[in-house]
Amino acid sequence: MTVTVAQRKARTVARLNEAAKAAGQDLRSYALQNGGRFILSGSTATGNLKYDSDIDLIVDFAPPDDRPAYAEAERICIAHGLSPDVHYLAEVSDRLLARIKDERVVIG
């Protein structure tokens, strides 16, 4: 049976969707246990994943909990087979926050 490129891409997107859901649950648990939140943006937040999508996360935890949260976000994403793009809230521009305001998903 021949598998087309389109079929492979569709399977990858389906796997990424399932992985993003599972990672979201783990991120939510971590955030609730540690008093912070993660902000999901981009194609994962909008449900428009592509076969090469990463997971865009902003870490919103107070210091000194921000560094462990950043590391945990990366670990969780990688454990679920996702490519993380993680940033601290303090380092994200107001312009970006305004742009993602309507599409973001707050976890935690």
PDB file of N, CA and C in Angstrom:
ATOM      1  N   MET A   1       0.839  -1.173   0.000  1.00  0.00           N
ATOM      2  CA  MET A   1       0.000   0.000   0.000  1.00  0.00           C
ATOM      3  C   MET A   1       0.890   1.245   0.000  1.00  0.00           C
ATOM      4  N   THR A   2       0.616   2.130  -0.900  1.00  0.00           N
ATOM      5  CA  THR A   2       1.362   3.369  -1.005  1.00  0.00           C
ATOM      6  C   THR A   2       0.722   4.433  -0.117  1.00  0.00           C
ATOM      7  N   VAL A   3       1.580   5.131   0.591  1.00  0.00           N
ATOM      8  CA  VAL A   3       1.121   6.224   1.441  1.00  0.00           C
ATOM      9  C   VAL A   3       1.607   7.522   0.811  1.00  0.00           C
ATOM     10  N   THR A   4       0.686   8.413   0.563  1.00  0.00           N
ATOM     11  CA  THR A   4       1.048   9.680  -0.071  1.00  0.00           C
ATOM     12  C   THR A   4       1.614  10.661   0.958  1.00  0.00           C
ATOM     13  N   VAL A   5       2.262  11.684   0.466  1.00  0.00           N
ATOM     14  CA  VAL A   5       2.787  12.732   1.336  1.00  0.00           C
ATOM     15  C   VAL A   5       1.641  13.383   2.111  1.00  0.00           C
ATOM     16  N   ALA A   6       0.539  13.628   1.434  1.00  0.00           N
ATOM     17  CA  ALA A   6      -0.622  14.237   2.092  1.00  0.00           C
ATOM     18  C   ALA A   6      -1.134  13.348   3.227  1.00  0.00           C
ATOM     19  N   GLN A   7      -1.149  12.046   3.021  1.00  0.00           N
ATOM     20  CA  GLN A   7      -1.598  11.128   4.066  1.00  0.00           C
ATOM     21  C   GLN A   7      -0.637  11.124   5.252  1.00  0.00           C
ATOM     22  N   ARG A   8       0.669  11.148   4.957  1.00  0.00           N
ATOM     23  CA  ARG A   8       1.664  11.201   6.043  1.00  0.00           C
ATOM     24  C   ARG A   8       1.517  12.484   6.846  1.00  0.00           C
ATOM     25  N   LYS A   9       1.307  13.596   6.147  1.00  0.00           N
ATOM     26  CA  LYS A   9       1.138  14.878   6.836  1.00  0.00           C
ATOM     27  C   LYS A   9      -0.117  14.861   7.695  1.00  0.00           C
ATOM     28  N   ALA A  10      -1.191  14.300   7.186  1.00  0.00           N
ATOM     29  CA  ALA A  10      -2.447  14.224   7.941  1.00  0.00           C
ATOM     30  C   ALA A  10      -2.269  13.359   9.187  1.00  0.00           C
ATOM     31  N   ARG A  11      -1.545  12.272   9.077  1.00  0.00           N
ATOM     32  CA  ARG A  11      -1.287  11.415  10.241  1.00  0.00           C
ATOM     33  C   ARG A  11      -0.436  12.153  11.271  1.00  0.00           C
ATOM     34  N   THR A  12       0.537  12.898  10.790  1.00  0.00           N
ATOM     35  CA  THR A  12       1.389  13.675  11.698  1.00  0.00           C
ATOM     36  C   THR A  12       0.566  14.725  12.437  1.00  0.00           C
ATOM     37  N   VAL A  13      -0.331  15.411  11.727  1.00  0.00           N
ATOM     38  CA  VAL A  13      -1.183  16.423  12.359  1.00  0.00           C
ATOM     39  C   VAL A  13      -2.083  15.773  13.410  1.00  0.00           C
ATOM     40  N   ALA A  14      -2.628  14.628  13.108  1.00  0.00           N
ATOM     41  CA  ALA A  14      -3.481  13.921  14.077  1.00  0.00           C
ATOM     42  C   ALA A  14      -2.676  13.557  15.324  1.00  0.00           C
ATOM     43  N   ARG A  15      -1.451  13.080  15.125  1.00  0.00           N
ATOM     44  CA  ARG A  15      -0.589  12.736  16.261  1.00  0.00           C
ATOM     45  C   ARG A  15      -0.249  13.982  17.072  1.00  0.00           C
ATOM     46  N   LEU A  16       0.054  15.090  16.400  1.00  0.00           N
ATOM     47  CA  LEU A  16       0.372  16.343  17.092  1.00  0.00           C
ATOM     48  C   LEU A  16      -0.823  16.847  17.901  1.00  0.00           C
ATOM     49  N   ASN A  17      -2.017  16.736  17.349  1.00  0.00           N
ATOM     50  CA  ASN A  17      -3.222  17.151  18.080  1.00  0.00           C
ATOM     51  C   ASN A  17      -3.390  16.353  19.370  1.00  0.00           C
ATOM     52  N   GLU A  18      -3.222  15.046  19.283  1.00  0.00           N
ATOM     53  CA  GLU A  18      -3.344  14.199  20.475  1.00  0.00           C
ATOM     54  C   GLU A  18      -2.239  14.517  21.473  1.00  0.00           C
ATOM     55  N   ALA A  19      -1.035  14.718  20.980  1.00  0.00           N
ATOM     56  CA  ALA A  19       0.093  15.043  21.860  1.00  0.00           C
ATOM     57  C   ALA A  19      -0.127  16.389  22.544  1.00  0.00           C
ATOM     58  N   ALA A  20      -0.660  17.363  21.816  1.00  0.00           N
ATOM     59  CA  ALA A  20      -0.916  18.690  22.392  1.00  0.00           C
ATOM     60  C   ALA A  20      -1.969  18.613  23.490  1.00  0.00           C
ATOM     61  N   LYS A  21      -2.992  17.794  23.296  1.00  0.00           N
ATOM     62  CA  LYS A  21      -4.013  17.617  24.334  1.00  0.00           C
ATOM     63  C   LYS A  21      -3.407  17.009  25.590  1.00  0.00           C
ATOM     64  N   ALA A  22      -2.616  15.971  25.418  1.00  0.00           N
ATOM     65  CA  ALA A  22      -1.992  15.313  26.557  1.00  0.00           C
ATOM     66  C   ALA A  22      -1.015  16.247  27.264  1.00  0.00           C
ATOM     67  N   ALA A  23      -0.219  16.972  26.492  1.00  0.00           N
ATOM     68  CA  ALA A  23       0.725  17.929  27.080  1.00  0.00           C
ATOM     69  C   ALA A  23      -0.028  19.022  27.821  1.00  0.00           C
ATOM     70  N   GLY A  24      -1.140  19.475  27.263  1.00  0.00           N
ATOM     71  CA  GLY A  24      -1.951  20.496  27.916  1.00  0.00           C
ATOM     72  C   GLY A  24      -2.443  20.051  29.275  1.00  0.00           C
ATOM     73  N   GLN A  25      -2.827  18.787  29.400  1.00  0.00           N
ATOM     74  CA  GLN A  25      -3.267  18.252  30.683  1.00  0.00           C
ATOM     75  C   GLN A  25      -2.122  18.248  31.696  1.00  0.00           C
ATOM     76  N   ASP A  26      -0.937  17.851  31.238  1.00  0.00           N
ATOM     77  CA  ASP A  26       0.225  17.821  32.127  1.00  0.00           C
ATOM     78  C   ASP A  26       0.634  19.238  32.539  1.00  0.00           C
ATOM     79  N   LEU A  27       0.590  20.164  31.592  1.00  0.00           N
ATOM     80  CA  LEU A  27       0.915  21.559  31.895  1.00  0.00           C
ATOM     81  C   LEU A  27      -0.079  22.149  32.892  1.00  0.00           C
ATOM     82  N   ARG A  28      -1.359  21.836  32.713  1.00  0.00           N
ATOM     83  CA  ARG A  28      -2.394  22.319  33.631  1.00  0.00           C
ATOM     84  C   ARG A  28      -2.136  21.792  35.045  1.00  0.00           C
ATOM     85  N   SER A  29      -1.834  20.521  35.158  1.00  0.00           N
ATOM     86  CA  SER A  29      -1.545  19.942  36.478  1.00  0.00           C
ATOM     87  C   SER A  29      -0.355  20.635  37.125  1.00  0.00           C
ATOM     88  N   TYR A  30       0.693  20.847  36.358  1.00  0.00           N
ATOM     89  CA  TYR A  30       1.877  21.510  36.899  1.00  0.00           C
ATOM     90  C   TYR A  30       1.541  22.934  37.338  1.00  0.00           C
ATOM     91  N   ALA A  31       0.823  23.651  36.523  1.00  0.00           N
ATOM     92  CA  ALA A  31       0.480  25.042  36.836  1.00  0.00           C
ATOM     93  C   ALA A  31      -0.371  25.122  38.097  1.00  0.00           C
ATOM     94  N   LEU A  32      -1.344  24.249  38.224  1.00  0.00           N
ATOM     95  CA  LEU A  32      -2.216  24.266  39.396  1.00  0.00           C
ATOM     96  C   LEU A  32      -1.462  23.901  40.669  1.00  0.00           C
ATOM     97  N   GLN A  33      -0.530  22.981  40.551  1.00  0.00           N
ATOM     98  CA  GLN A  33       0.249  22.568  41.717  1.00  0.00           C
ATOM     99  C   GLN A  33       1.296  23.602  42.124  1.00  0.00           C
ATOM    100  N   ASN A  34       1.692  24.462  41.185  1.00  0.00           N
ATOM    101  CA  ASN A  34       2.811  25.356  41.442  1.00  0.00           C
ATOM    102  C   ASN A  34       2.462  26.840  41.359  1.00  0.00           C
ATOM    103  N   GLY A  35       1.190  27.165  41.280  1.00  0.00           N
ATOM    104  CA  GLY A  35       0.745  28.546  41.394  1.00  0.00           C
ATOM    105  C   GLY A  35       1.094  29.467  40.248  1.00  0.00           C
ATOM    106  N   GLY A  36       1.036  28.968  39.050  1.00  0.00           N
ATOM    107  CA  GLY A  36       1.291  29.818  37.883  1.00  0.00           C
ATOM    108  C   GLY A  36       0.391  29.422  36.742  1.00  0.00           C
ATOM    109  N   ARG A  37       0.777  29.865  35.566  1.00  0.00           N
ATOM    110  CA  ARG A  37       0.007  29.486  34.381  1.00  0.00           C
ATOM    111  C   ARG A  37       0.908  29.509  33.158  1.00  0.00           C
ATOM    112  N   PHE A  38       0.458  28.816  32.150  1.00  0.00           N
ATOM    113  CA  PHE A  38       1.101  28.826  30.841  1.00  0.00           C
ATOM    114  C   PHE A  38       0.108  29.442  29.862  1.00  0.00           C
ATOM    115  N   ILE A  39       0.620  30.163  28.906  1.00  0.00           N
ATOM    116  CA  ILE A  39      -0.224  30.745  27.868  1.00  0.00           C
ATOM    117  C   ILE A  39       0.165  30.087  26.551  1.00  0.00           C
ATOM    118  N   LEU A  40      -0.780  29.412  25.970  1.00  0.00           N
ATOM    119  CA  LEU A  40      -0.596  28.721  24.701  1.00  0.00           C
ATOM    120  C   LEU A  40      -1.046  29.639  23.585  1.00  0.00           C
ATOM    121  N   SER A  41      -0.245  29.745  22.542  1.00  0.00           N
ATOM    122  CA  SER A  41      -0.620  30.592  21.407  1.00  0.00           C
ATOM    123  C   SER A  41      -0.278  29.879  20.104  1.00  0.00           C
ATOM    124  N   GLY A  42      -0.520  30.560  19.020  1.00  0.00           N
ATOM    125  CA  GLY A  42      -0.180  30.000  17.712  1.00  0.00           C
ATOM    126  C   GLY A  42      -1.152  28.938  17.246  1.00  0.00           C
ATOM    127  N   SER A  43      -0.658  28.102  16.361  1.00  0.00           N
ATOM    128  CA  SER A  43      -1.522  27.115  15.719  1.00  0.00           C
ATOM    129  C   SER A  43      -2.070  26.081  16.682  1.00  0.00           C
ATOM    130  N   THR A  44      -1.359  25.801  17.751  1.00  0.00           N
ATOM    131  CA  THR A  44      -1.878  24.850  18.735  1.00  0.00           C
ATOM    132  C   THR A  44      -3.094  25.428  19.446  1.00  0.00           C
ATOM    133  N   ALA A  45      -3.035  26.713  19.774  1.00  0.00           N
ATOM    134  CA  ALA A  45      -4.165  27.373  20.458  1.00  0.00           C
ATOM    135  C   ALA A  45      -5.372  27.507  19.551  1.00  0.00           C
ATOM    136  N   THR A  46      -5.140  27.754  18.279  1.00  0.00           N
ATOM    137  CA  THR A  46      -6.256  27.956  17.360  1.00  0.00           C
ATOM    138  C   THR A  46      -6.794  26.657  16.778  1.00  0.00           C
ATOM    139  N   GLY A  47      -6.080  25.560  17.005  1.00  0.00           N
ATOM    140  CA  GLY A  47      -6.504  24.281  16.443  1.00  0.00           C
ATOM    141  C   GLY A  47      -6.174  24.129  14.980  1.00  0.00           C
ATOM    142  N   ASN A  48      -5.223  24.902  14.509  1.00  0.00           N
ATOM    143  CA  ASN A  48      -4.824  24.863  13.095  1.00  0.00           C
ATOM    144  C   ASN A  48      -3.429  24.303  12.924  1.00  0.00           C
ATOM    145  N   LEU A  49      -3.148  23.214  13.610  1.00  0.00           N
ATOM    146  CA  LEU A  49      -1.824  22.608  13.518  1.00  0.00           C
ATOM    147  C   LEU A  49      -1.521  22.151  12.097  1.00  0.00           C
ATOM    148  N   LYS A  50      -0.259  22.269  11.759  1.00  0.00           N
ATOM    149  CA  LYS A  50       0.255  21.728  10.504  1.00  0.00           C
ATOM    150  C   LYS A  50       1.263  20.650  10.862  1.00  0.00           C
ATOM    151  N   TYR A  51       1.687  19.904   9.888  1.00  0.00           N
ATOM    152  CA  TYR A  51       2.577  18.778  10.144  1.00  0.00           C
ATOM    153  C   TYR A  51       3.903  19.200  10.759  1.00  0.00           C
ATOM    154  N   ASP A  52       4.289  20.467  10.594  1.00  0.00           N
ATOM    155  CA  ASP A  52       5.572  20.938  11.125  1.00  0.00           C
ATOM    156  C   ASP A  52       5.398  21.973  12.242  1.00  0.00           C
ATOM    157  N   SER A  53       4.228  22.012  12.856  1.00  0.00           N
ATOM    158  CA  SER A  53       3.946  22.988  13.910  1.00  0.00           C
ATOM    159  C   SER A  53       4.744  22.690  15.172  1.00  0.00           C
ATOM    160  N   ASP A  54       5.104  23.774  15.859  1.00  0.00           N
ATOM    161  CA  ASP A  54       5.670  23.643  17.195  1.00  0.00           C
ATOM    162  C   ASP A  54       4.588  24.056  18.189  1.00  0.00           C
ATOM    163  N   ILE A  55       4.922  24.029  19.465  1.00  0.00           N
ATOM    164  CA  ILE A  55       3.969  24.451  20.489  1.00  0.00           C
ATOM    165  C   ILE A  55       4.526  25.719  21.123  1.00  0.00           C
ATOM    166  N   ASP A  56       3.779  26.808  20.988  1.00  0.00           N
ATOM    167  CA  ASP A  56       4.198  28.117  21.480  1.00  0.00           C
ATOM    168  C   ASP A  56       3.631  28.344  22.867  1.00  0.00           C
ATOM    169  N   LEU A  57       4.521  28.477  23.853  1.00  0.00           N
ATOM    170  CA  LEU A  57       4.109  28.633  25.244  1.00  0.00           C
ATOM    171  C   LEU A  57       4.787  29.836  25.879  1.00  0.00           C
ATOM    172  N   ILE A  58       4.039  30.519  26.702  1.00  0.00           N
ATOM    173  CA  ILE A  58       4.575  31.603  27.514  1.00  0.00           C
ATOM    174  C   ILE A  58       4.422  31.180  28.972  1.00  0.00           C
ATOM    175  N   VAL A  59       5.508  31.273  29.718  1.00  0.00           N
ATOM    176  CA  VAL A  59       5.537  30.887  31.127  1.00  0.00           C
ATOM    177  C   VAL A  59       5.187  32.105  31.973  1.00  0.00           C
ATOM    178  N   ASP A  60       4.110  32.012  32.745  1.00  0.00           N
ATOM    179  CA  ASP A  60       3.676  33.091  33.620  1.00  0.00           C
ATOM    180  C   ASP A  60       3.673  32.594  35.065  1.00  0.00           C
ATOM    181  N   PHE A  61       4.856  32.527  35.639  1.00  0.00           N
ATOM    182  CA  PHE A  61       5.079  32.140  37.027  1.00  0.00           C
ATOM    183  C   PHE A  61       5.955  33.213  37.654  1.00  0.00           C
ATOM    184  N   ALA A  62       5.744  33.454  38.927  1.00  0.00           N
ATOM    185  CA  ALA A  62       6.570  34.429  39.640  1.00  0.00           C
ATOM    186  C   ALA A  62       7.943  33.828  39.931  1.00  0.00           C
ATOM    187  N   PRO A  63       8.987  34.656  39.888  1.00  0.00           N
ATOM    188  CA  PRO A  63      10.307  34.168  40.301  1.00  0.00           C
ATOM    189  C   PRO A  63      10.255  33.761  41.775  1.00  0.00           C
ATOM    190  N   PRO A  64      10.946  32.777  42.207  1.00  0.00           N
ATOM    191  CA  PRO A  64      11.917  31.974  41.471  1.00  0.00           C
ATOM    192  C   PRO A  64      11.295  30.746  40.797  1.00  0.00           C
ATOM    193  N   ASP A  65       9.966  30.648  40.789  1.00  0.00           N
ATOM    194  CA  ASP A  65       9.299  29.485  40.209  1.00  0.00           C
ATOM    195  C   ASP A  65       9.270  29.497  38.684  1.00  0.00           C
ATOM    196  N   ASP A  66       9.637  30.615  38.074  1.00  0.00           N
ATOM    197  CA  ASP A  66       9.575  30.724  36.624  1.00  0.00           C
ATOM    198  C   ASP A  66      10.581  29.815  35.917  1.00  0.00           C
ATOM    199  N   ARG A  67      11.775  29.724  36.457  1.00  0.00           N
ATOM    200  CA  ARG A  67      12.800  28.884  35.799  1.00  0.00           C
ATOM    201  C   ARG A  67      12.439  27.398  35.825  1.00  0.00           C
ATOM    202  N   PRO A  68      12.046  26.850  36.967  1.00  0.00           N
ATOM    203  CA  PRO A  68      11.622  25.449  36.953  1.00  0.00           C
ATOM    204  C   PRO A  68      10.399  25.218  36.055  1.00  0.00           C
ATOM    205  N   ALA A  69       9.483  26.184  36.000  1.00  0.00           N
ATOM    206  CA  ALA A  69       8.298  26.047  35.149  1.00  0.00           C
ATOM    207  C   ALA A  69       8.693  26.016  33.674  1.00  0.00           C
ATOM    208  N   TYR A  70       9.643  26.847  33.306  1.00  0.00           N
ATOM    209  CA  TYR A  70      10.150  26.871  31.928  1.00  0.00           C
ATOM    210  C   TYR A  70      10.723  25.495  31.569  1.00  0.00           C
ATOM    211  N   ALA A  71      11.590  24.985  32.456  1.00  0.00           N
ATOM    212  CA  ALA A  71      12.205  23.682  32.208  1.00  0.00           C
ATOM    213  C   ALA A  71      11.156  22.574  32.142  1.00  0.00           C
ATOM    214  N   GLU A  72      10.149  22.649  33.013  1.00  0.00           N
ATOM    215  CA  GLU A  72       9.096  21.628  33.016  1.00  0.00           C
ATOM    216  C   GLU A  72       8.246  21.708  31.758  1.00  0.00           C
ATOM    217  N   ALA A  73       7.969  22.914  31.291  1.00  0.00           N
ATOM    218  CA  ALA A  73       7.202  23.072  30.044  1.00  0.00           C
ATOM    219  C   ALA A  73       7.943  22.424  28.876  1.00  0.00           C
ATOM    220  N   GLU A  74       9.236  22.674  28.803  1.00  0.00           N
ATOM    221  CA  GLU A  74      10.022  22.043  27.740  1.00  0.00           C
ATOM    222  C   GLU A  74      10.008  20.525  27.879  1.00  0.00           C
ATOM    223  N   ARG A  75      10.222  20.051  29.086  1.00  0.00           N
ATOM    224  CA  ARG A  75      10.264  18.606  29.324  1.00  0.00           C
ATOM    225  C   ARG A  75       8.947  17.936  28.940  1.00  0.00           C
ATOM    226  N   ILE A  76       7.836  18.538  29.362  1.00  0.00           N
ATOM    227  CA  ILE A  76       6.519  17.981  29.056  1.00  0.00           C
ATOM    228  C   ILE A  76       6.301  17.924  27.544  1.00  0.00           C
ATOM    229  N   CYS A  77       6.592  19.001  26.862  1.00  0.00           N
ATOM    230  CA  CYS A  77       6.390  19.033  25.405  1.00  0.00           C
ATOM    231  C   CYS A  77       7.228  17.973  24.707  1.00  0.00           C
ATOM    232  N   ILE A  78       8.496  17.911  25.059  1.00  0.00           N
ATOM    233  CA  ILE A  78       9.392  16.940  24.423  1.00  0.00           C
ATOM    234  C   ILE A  78       8.943  15.513  24.733  1.00  0.00           C
ATOM    235  N   ALA A  79       8.513  15.263  25.967  1.00  0.00           N
ATOM    236  CA  ALA A  79       8.040  13.924  26.344  1.00  0.00           C
ATOM    237  C   ALA A  79       6.846  13.491  25.501  1.00  0.00           C
ATOM    238  N   HIS A  80       6.063  14.456  25.028  1.00  0.00           N
ATOM    239  CA  HIS A  80       4.899  14.141  24.193  1.00  0.00           C
ATOM    240  C   HIS A  80       5.213  14.240  22.699  1.00  0.00           C
ATOM    241  N   GLY A  81       6.480  14.398  22.368  1.00  0.00           N
ATOM    242  CA  GLY A  81       6.882  14.425  20.962  1.00  0.00           C
ATOM    243  C   GLY A  81       6.627  15.756  20.284  1.00  0.00           C
ATOM    244  N   LEU A  82       6.529  16.819  21.069  1.00  0.00           N
ATOM    245  CA  LEU A  82       6.274  18.153  20.522  1.00  0.00           C
ATOM    246  C   LEU A  82       7.551  18.986  20.535  1.00  0.00           C
ATOM    247  N   SER A  83       7.635  19.902  19.626  1.00  0.00           N
ATOM    248  CA  SER A  83       8.765  20.822  19.562  1.00  0.00           C
ATOM    249  C   SER A  83       8.372  22.112  20.273  1.00  0.00           C
ATOM    250  N   PRO A  84       8.929  22.366  21.476  1.00  0.00           N
ATOM    251  CA  PRO A  84       8.502  23.534  22.243  1.00  0.00           C
ATOM    252  C   PRO A  84       9.199  24.819  21.827  1.00  0.00           C
ATOM    253  N   ASP A  85       8.458  25.904  21.870  1.00  0.00           N
ATOM    254  CA  ASP A  85       8.982  27.257  21.698  1.00  0.00           C
ATOM    255  C   ASP A  85       8.485  28.033  22.917  1.00  0.00           C
ATOM    256  N   VAL A  86       9.305  28.074  23.969  1.00  0.00           N
ATOM    257  CA  VAL A  86       8.890  28.571  25.274  1.00  0.00           C
ATOM    258  C   VAL A  86       9.546  29.917  25.564  1.00  0.00           C
ATOM    259  N   HIS A  87       8.766  30.819  26.155  1.00  0.00           N
ATOM    260  CA  HIS A  87       9.257  32.154  26.510  1.00  0.00           C
ATOM    261  C   HIS A  87       8.728  32.543  27.887  1.00  0.00           C
ATOM    262  N   TYR A  88       9.489  33.401  28.579  1.00  0.00           N
ATOM    263  CA  TYR A  88       9.020  33.980  29.832  1.00  0.00           C
ATOM    264  C   TYR A  88       8.099  35.150  29.512  1.00  0.00           C
ATOM    265  N   LEU A  89       7.034  35.313  30.286  1.00  0.00           N
ATOM    266  CA  LEU A  89       6.107  36.417  30.077  1.00  0.00           C
ATOM    267  C   LEU A  89       6.830  37.765  30.114  1.00  0.00           C
ATOM    268  N   ALA A  90       7.765  37.918  31.028  1.00  0.00           N
ATOM    269  CA  ALA A  90       8.485  39.186  31.168  1.00  0.00           C
ATOM    270  C   ALA A  90       9.296  39.549  29.925  1.00  0.00           C
ATOM    271  N   GLU A  91       9.585  38.568  29.085  1.00  0.00           N
ATOM    272  CA  GLU A  91      10.389  38.806  27.887  1.00  0.00           C
ATOM    273  C   GLU A  91       9.556  38.943  26.616  1.00  0.00           C
ATOM    274  N   VAL A  92       8.245  38.798  26.739  1.00  0.00           N
ATOM    275  CA  VAL A  92       7.360  38.873  25.572  1.00  0.00           C
ATOM    276  C   VAL A  92       6.891  40.317  25.418  1.00  0.00           C
ATOM    277  N   SER A  93       6.920  40.804  24.199  1.00  0.00           N
ATOM    278  CA  SER A  93       6.534  42.194  23.948  1.00  0.00           C
ATOM    279  C   SER A  93       5.029  42.396  24.112  1.00  0.00           C
ATOM    280  N   ASP A  94       4.669  43.616  24.461  1.00  0.00           N
ATOM    281  CA  ASP A  94       3.252  43.974  24.557  1.00  0.00           C
ATOM    282  C   ASP A  94       2.573  43.805  23.202  1.00  0.00           C
ATOM    283  N   ARG A  95       3.306  44.061  22.158  1.00  0.00           N
ATOM    284  CA  ARG A  95       2.760  43.925  20.802  1.00  0.00           C
ATOM    285  C   ARG A  95       2.352  42.475  20.518  1.00  0.00           C
ATOM    286  N   LEU A  96       3.217  41.543  20.897  1.00  0.00           N
ATOM    287  CA  LEU A  96       2.877  40.129  20.702  1.00  0.00           C
ATOM    288  C   LEU A  96       1.685  39.736  21.563  1.00  0.00           C
ATOM    289  N   LEU A  97       1.684  40.172  22.812  1.00  0.00           N
ATOM    290  CA  LEU A  97       0.555  39.842  23.691  1.00  0.00           C
ATOM    291  C   LEU A  97      -0.763  40.377  23.136  1.00  0.00           C
ATOM    292  N   ALA A  98      -0.731  41.572  22.571  1.00  0.00           N
ATOM    293  CA  ALA A  98      -1.943  42.144  21.969  1.00  0.00           C
ATOM    294  C   ALA A  98      -2.368  41.330  20.753  1.00  0.00           C
ATOM    295  N   ARG A  99      -1.385  40.870  19.969  1.00  0.00           N
ATOM    296  CA  ARG A  99      -1.695  40.117  18.751  1.00  0.00           C
ATOM    297  C   ARG A  99      -2.329  38.763  19.065  1.00  0.00           C
ATOM    298  N   ILE A 100      -1.898  38.138  20.143  1.00  0.00           N
ATOM    299  CA  ILE A 100      -2.422  36.801  20.466  1.00  0.00           C
ATOM    300  C   ILE A 100      -3.598  36.837  21.434  1.00  0.00           C
ATOM    301  N   LYS A 101      -4.018  38.026  21.827  1.00  0.00           N
ATOM    302  CA  LYS A 101      -5.071  38.189  22.846  1.00  0.00           C
ATOM    303  C   LYS A 101      -6.312  37.343  22.564  1.00  0.00           C
ATOM    304  N   ASP A 102      -6.773  37.314  21.355  1.00  0.00           N
ATOM    305  CA  ASP A 102      -8.018  36.617  21.015  1.00  0.00           C
ATOM    306  C   ASP A 102      -7.820  35.145  20.694  1.00  0.00           C
ATOM    307  N   GLU A 103      -6.591  34.710  20.524  1.00  0.00           N
ATOM    308  CA  GLU A 103      -6.365  33.320  20.130  1.00  0.00           C
ATOM    309  C   GLU A 103      -5.694  32.489  21.215  1.00  0.00           C
ATOM    310  N   ARG A 104      -5.258  33.106  22.266  1.00  0.00           N
ATOM    311  CA  ARG A 104      -4.492  32.385  23.279  1.00  0.00           C
ATOM    312  C   ARG A 104      -5.384  31.501  24.139  1.00  0.00           C
ATOM    313  N   VAL A 105      -4.748  30.509  24.710  1.00  0.00           N
ATOM    314  CA  VAL A 105      -5.408  29.612  25.647  1.00  0.00           C
ATOM    315  C   VAL A 105      -4.585  29.648  26.920  1.00  0.00           C
ATOM    316  N   VAL A 106      -5.235  29.992  28.026  1.00  0.00           N
ATOM    317  CA  VAL A 106      -4.548  30.056  29.320  1.00  0.00           C
ATOM    318  C   VAL A 106      -4.682  28.702  29.988  1.00  0.00           C
ATOM    319  N   ILE A 107      -3.548  28.163  30.398  1.00  0.00           N
ATOM    320  CA  ILE A 107      -3.501  26.847  31.036  1.00  0.00           C
ATOM    321  C   ILE A 107      -3.080  27.044  32.478  1.00  0.00           C
ATOM    322  N   GLY A 108      -3.962  26.708  33.397  1.00  0.00           N
ATOM    323  CA  GLY A 108      -3.600  26.800  34.809  1.00  0.00           C
ATOM    324  C   GLY A 108      -4.520  27.694  35.575  1.00  0.00           C
TER     325      GLY A 108
END
